[in-house]
Amino acid sequence: MQQELMQAGEKQHGLYRLEPSLYQTLTKTPFRQSTAQPVVELTLPEPPFPQLPEKCGDIEPDPKYLPQDGNPYRTSVTMPMVSRALRGWLAPYLRSRLARHQA
């Protein structure tokens, strides 16, 4: 039984084997060296922007909103800014202080 399998295996392998001359040609020939490509410096293309260069100038901010006389803070505070600050840090602080004393 095993002899039959071995013979069948030899027959199958025999079908896919290469001729010795072809095998020699494929395995023993030196690889082709790639020809040196000329070095081309790659650069980025010119950007299409700004399309309207006249609108890209320096725009001065409104002096009303700038700090005045070296003061690094805003000159005006609005009610939404105050309520946000109170919600953000004052309300949690007061809640923590009150909860500590009630317990």
Protein backbone atom coordinates (compact mmCIF):
# COMPACT_ATOMS: atom_id res chain seq x y z
CA MET A 1 0.00 0.00 0.00
CA GLN A 2 2.74 2.43 0.92
CA GLN A 3 4.66 1.55 -2.21
CA GLU A 4 1.64 2.47 -4.29
CA LEU A 5 1.36 5.84 -2.51
CA MET A 6 5.07 6.51 -2.98
CA GLN A 7 4.85 5.68 -6.66
CA ALA A 8 1.79 7.93 -7.01
CA GLY A 9 3.67 10.70 -5.21
CA GLU A 10 6.66 10.28 -7.50
CA LYS A 11 4.41 10.47 -10.50
CA GLN A 12 2.80 13.66 -9.25
CA HIS A 13 6.14 15.26 -8.43
CA GLY A 14 7.49 14.13 -11.74
CA LEU A 15 4.82 16.11 -13.54
CA TYR A 16 5.88 19.40 -11.94
CA ARG A 17 9.65 19.06 -12.05
CA LEU A 18 11.61 21.26 -14.41
CA GLU A 19 14.10 20.13 -16.95
CA PRO A 20 17.64 20.35 -15.60
CA SER A 21 18.71 22.87 -18.25
CA LEU A 22 15.79 25.15 -17.45
CA TYR A 23 16.42 24.79 -13.71
CA GLN A 24 20.08 25.73 -14.23
CA THR A 25 19.08 28.75 -16.30
CA LEU A 26 16.60 29.97 -13.69
CA THR A 27 18.75 29.46 -10.60
CA LYS A 28 22.31 30.04 -11.74
CA THR A 29 22.02 33.11 -13.93
CA PRO A 30 22.98 36.33 -12.15
CA PHE A 31 20.24 38.80 -11.40
CA ARG A 32 19.97 41.79 -13.67
CA GLN A 33 21.30 44.84 -12.01
CA SER A 34 18.84 47.68 -12.24
CA THR A 35 20.11 50.55 -14.29
CA ALA A 36 20.77 53.69 -12.33
CA GLN A 37 17.96 56.14 -12.80
CA PRO A 38 18.95 59.78 -13.16
CA VAL A 39 18.36 61.63 -9.94
CA VAL A 40 15.47 64.03 -10.36
CA GLU A 41 14.90 66.48 -7.55
CA LEU A 42 11.31 66.23 -6.42
CA THR A 43 9.65 69.46 -5.43
CA LEU A 44 6.16 70.39 -4.41
CA PRO A 45 4.00 72.15 -6.97
CA GLU A 46 3.16 75.79 -6.56
CA PRO A 47 0.06 76.08 -4.37
CA PRO A 48 -3.01 77.63 -5.98
CA PHE A 49 -3.70 79.64 -2.83
CA PRO A 50 -4.23 82.44 -2.06
CA GLN A 51 -6.54 82.93 -4.97
CA LEU A 52 -7.32 86.49 -3.89
CA PRO A 53 -4.04 87.87 -2.55
CA GLU A 54 -5.50 91.33 -2.02
CA LYS A 55 -7.66 89.90 0.79
CA CYS A 56 -4.71 88.29 2.61
CA GLY A 57 -3.19 91.43 4.05
CA ASP A 58 -2.66 92.25 7.69
CA ILE A 59 -5.98 93.18 9.19
CA GLU A 60 -5.85 95.30 12.30
CA PRO A 61 -8.16 94.14 15.09
CA ASP A 62 -10.77 96.45 16.47
CA PRO A 63 -9.06 98.56 19.18
CA LYS A 64 -12.21 98.33 21.28
CA TYR A 65 -11.43 94.68 22.05
CA LEU A 66 -7.69 95.05 22.64
CA PRO A 67 -6.20 95.46 26.13
CA GLN A 68 -5.35 99.07 26.83
CA ASP A 69 -2.38 100.70 28.51
CA GLY A 70 -0.44 97.47 29.00
CA ASN A 71 -3.31 95.78 30.81
CA PRO A 72 -3.21 92.08 29.79
CA TYR A 73 -6.90 91.50 30.57
CA ARG A 74 -10.06 92.18 28.62
CA THR A 75 -11.51 95.61 28.88
CA SER A 76 -15.11 94.42 29.11
CA VAL A 77 -16.82 91.42 30.67
CA THR A 78 -20.25 90.28 29.55
CA MET A 79 -22.94 88.57 31.60
CA PRO A 80 -22.59 85.20 29.77
CA MET A 81 -18.88 85.23 30.63
CA VAL A 82 -19.66 85.79 34.31
CA SER A 83 -22.31 83.06 34.43
CA ARG A 84 -19.96 80.60 32.75
CA ALA A 85 -17.23 81.37 35.27
CA LEU A 86 -19.64 80.91 38.15
CA ARG A 87 -20.86 77.59 36.78
CA GLY A 88 -17.34 76.43 36.07
CA TRP A 89 -15.59 77.00 39.39
CA LEU A 90 -17.59 79.01 41.94
CA ALA A 91 -20.68 76.78 42.12
CA PRO A 92 -18.67 73.53 42.58
CA TYR A 93 -16.45 75.22 45.16
CA LEU A 94 -19.42 76.45 47.22
CA ARG A 95 -21.11 73.05 46.93
CA SER A 96 -17.99 71.31 48.25
CA ARG A 97 -17.63 73.74 51.15
CA LEU A 98 -21.29 73.42 52.15
CA ALA A 99 -21.34 69.64 51.86
CA ARG A 100 -18.31 69.34 54.14
CA HIS A 101 -19.93 71.39 56.94
CA GLN A 102 -23.33 69.68 56.77
CA ALA A 103 -21.93 66.20 57.36
